[in-house]
Amino acid sequence: MDRQEDALFLSLTWHEVMPSPEEAKAALNRFSMKFSRRFPGGSYVWKLEPQERGFPHFHLFVYGVPWVDP
């Protein structure tokens, strides 16, 4: 991971249905597999944090991917 390059900040949040801890981890694993296929040179670090309402919320610093205009 080259942390000298610019990073993108990404948040992954559930809005309607609260996942179990296992479901949240499985969703992050699916994201990781898709991310690796789409950006083979990319990497990220993540942190899980509960929102005030208790829903899981992943924060990611993403490296090695091009900017995508939302």
C-alpha atoms as a PDB file:
ATOM      1  CA  MET A   1       0.000   0.000   0.000  1.00  0.00           C
ATOM      2  CA  ASP A   2       1.520   3.292  -1.089  1.00  0.00           C
ATOM      3  CA  ARG A   3       0.244   5.838   1.405  1.00  0.00           C
ATOM      4  CA  GLN A   4       2.220   8.607  -0.327  1.00  0.00           C
ATOM      5  CA  GLU A   5      -0.463   8.845  -3.009  1.00  0.00           C
ATOM      6  CA  ASP A   6      -3.799  10.558  -2.502  1.00  0.00           C
ATOM      7  CA  ALA A   7      -6.508   8.535  -0.806  1.00  0.00           C
ATOM      8  CA  LEU A   8     -10.239   8.496  -1.366  1.00  0.00           C
ATOM      9  CA  PHE A   9     -12.557   8.349   1.644  1.00  0.00           C
ATOM     10  CA  LEU A  10     -15.513   5.990   1.414  1.00  0.00           C
ATOM     11  CA  SER A  11     -18.322   5.193   3.866  1.00  0.00           C
ATOM     12  CA  LEU A  12     -20.445   2.061   3.667  1.00  0.00           C
ATOM     13  CA  THR A  13     -23.659   2.280   5.686  1.00  0.00           C
ATOM     14  CA  TRP A  14     -26.864   0.298   6.189  1.00  0.00           C
ATOM     15  CA  HIS A  15     -30.048   2.345   6.207  1.00  0.00           C
ATOM     16  CA  GLU A  16     -33.096   0.130   6.523  1.00  0.00           C
ATOM     17  CA  VAL A  17     -32.331  -3.310   7.959  1.00  0.00           C
ATOM     18  CA  MET A  18     -29.809  -3.845  10.744  1.00  0.00           C
ATOM     19  CA  PRO A  19     -27.390  -6.626   9.739  1.00  0.00           C
ATOM     20  CA  SER A  20     -25.968  -9.047  12.247  1.00  0.00           C
ATOM     21  CA  PRO A  21     -22.208  -8.802  12.863  1.00  0.00           C
ATOM     22  CA  GLU A  22     -21.768 -11.858  10.615  1.00  0.00           C
ATOM     23  CA  GLU A  23     -23.833 -10.268   7.821  1.00  0.00           C
ATOM     24  CA  ALA A  24     -21.856  -7.017   8.052  1.00  0.00           C
ATOM     25  CA  LYS A  25     -18.544  -8.884   7.835  1.00  0.00           C
ATOM     26  CA  ALA A  26     -19.838 -10.992   4.916  1.00  0.00           C
ATOM     27  CA  ALA A  27     -20.881  -7.797   3.096  1.00  0.00           C
ATOM     28  CA  LEU A  28     -17.412  -6.326   3.617  1.00  0.00           C
ATOM     29  CA  ASN A  29     -15.886  -9.554   2.289  1.00  0.00           C
ATOM     30  CA  ARG A  30     -18.087  -9.349  -0.850  1.00  0.00           C
ATOM     31  CA  PHE A  31     -17.081  -5.703  -1.296  1.00  0.00           C
ATOM     32  CA  SER A  32     -13.425  -6.721  -0.930  1.00  0.00           C
ATOM     33  CA  MET A  33     -13.668  -9.426  -3.611  1.00  0.00           C
ATOM     34  CA  LYS A  34     -15.418  -7.075  -6.071  1.00  0.00           C
ATOM     35  CA  PHE A  35     -12.974  -4.265  -5.282  1.00  0.00           C
ATOM     36  CA  SER A  36      -9.959  -6.534  -5.883  1.00  0.00           C
ATOM     37  CA  ARG A  37     -11.331  -7.655  -9.253  1.00  0.00           C
ATOM     38  CA  ARG A  38     -12.125  -4.111 -10.381  1.00  0.00           C
ATOM     39  CA  PHE A  39      -8.952  -2.475  -8.999  1.00  0.00           C
ATOM     40  CA  PRO A  40      -6.201  -5.132  -8.820  1.00  0.00           C
ATOM     41  CA  GLY A  41      -3.603  -2.520  -7.809  1.00  0.00           C
ATOM     42  CA  GLY A  42      -5.871  -0.846  -5.273  1.00  0.00           C
ATOM     43  CA  SER A  43      -5.924  -1.260  -1.520  1.00  0.00           C
ATOM     44  CA  TYR A  44      -7.758   0.133   1.471  1.00  0.00           C
ATOM     45  CA  VAL A  45      -7.846   0.224   5.232  1.00  0.00           C
ATOM     46  CA  TRP A  46     -11.152   0.140   7.051  1.00  0.00           C
ATOM     47  CA  LYS A  47     -12.655   0.753  10.456  1.00  0.00           C
ATOM     48  CA  LEU A  48     -16.049  -0.372  11.690  1.00  0.00           C
ATOM     49  CA  GLU A  49     -17.986   2.078  13.800  1.00  0.00           C
ATOM     50  CA  PRO A  50     -21.578   1.919  15.030  1.00  0.00           C
ATOM     51  CA  GLN A  51     -23.757   4.893  14.196  1.00  0.00           C
ATOM     52  CA  GLU A  52     -25.754   6.562  16.969  1.00  0.00           C
ATOM     53  CA  ARG A  53     -28.751   4.400  16.025  1.00  0.00           C
ATOM     54  CA  GLY A  54     -26.565   1.276  16.301  1.00  0.00           C
ATOM     55  CA  PHE A  55     -26.256   0.440  12.605  1.00  0.00           C
ATOM     56  CA  PRO A  56     -22.774  -0.610  11.435  1.00  0.00           C
ATOM     57  CA  HIS A  57     -20.841   1.907   9.400  1.00  0.00           C
ATOM     58  CA  PHE A  58     -17.544   1.143   7.632  1.00  0.00           C
ATOM     59  CA  HIS A  59     -15.056   3.944   6.946  1.00  0.00           C
ATOM     60  CA  LEU A  60     -12.428   3.227   4.284  1.00  0.00           C
ATOM     61  CA  PHE A  61      -9.327   5.034   3.065  1.00  0.00           C
ATOM     62  CA  VAL A  62      -8.888   3.792  -0.504  1.00  0.00           C
ATOM     63  CA  TYR A  63      -5.559   3.911  -2.343  1.00  0.00           C
ATOM     64  CA  GLY A  64      -4.524   3.164  -5.907  1.00  0.00           C
ATOM     65  CA  VAL A  65      -7.846   3.784  -7.668  1.00  0.00           C
ATOM     66  CA  PRO A  66      -8.779   6.583 -10.067  1.00  0.00           C
ATOM     67  CA  TRP A  67     -11.217   9.278  -9.000  1.00  0.00           C
ATOM     68  CA  VAL A  68     -14.793   8.494 -10.035  1.00  0.00           C
ATOM     69  CA  ASP A  69     -17.095  11.501 -10.183  1.00  0.00           C
ATOM     70  CA  PRO A  70     -20.255  10.689  -8.169  1.00  0.00           C
END
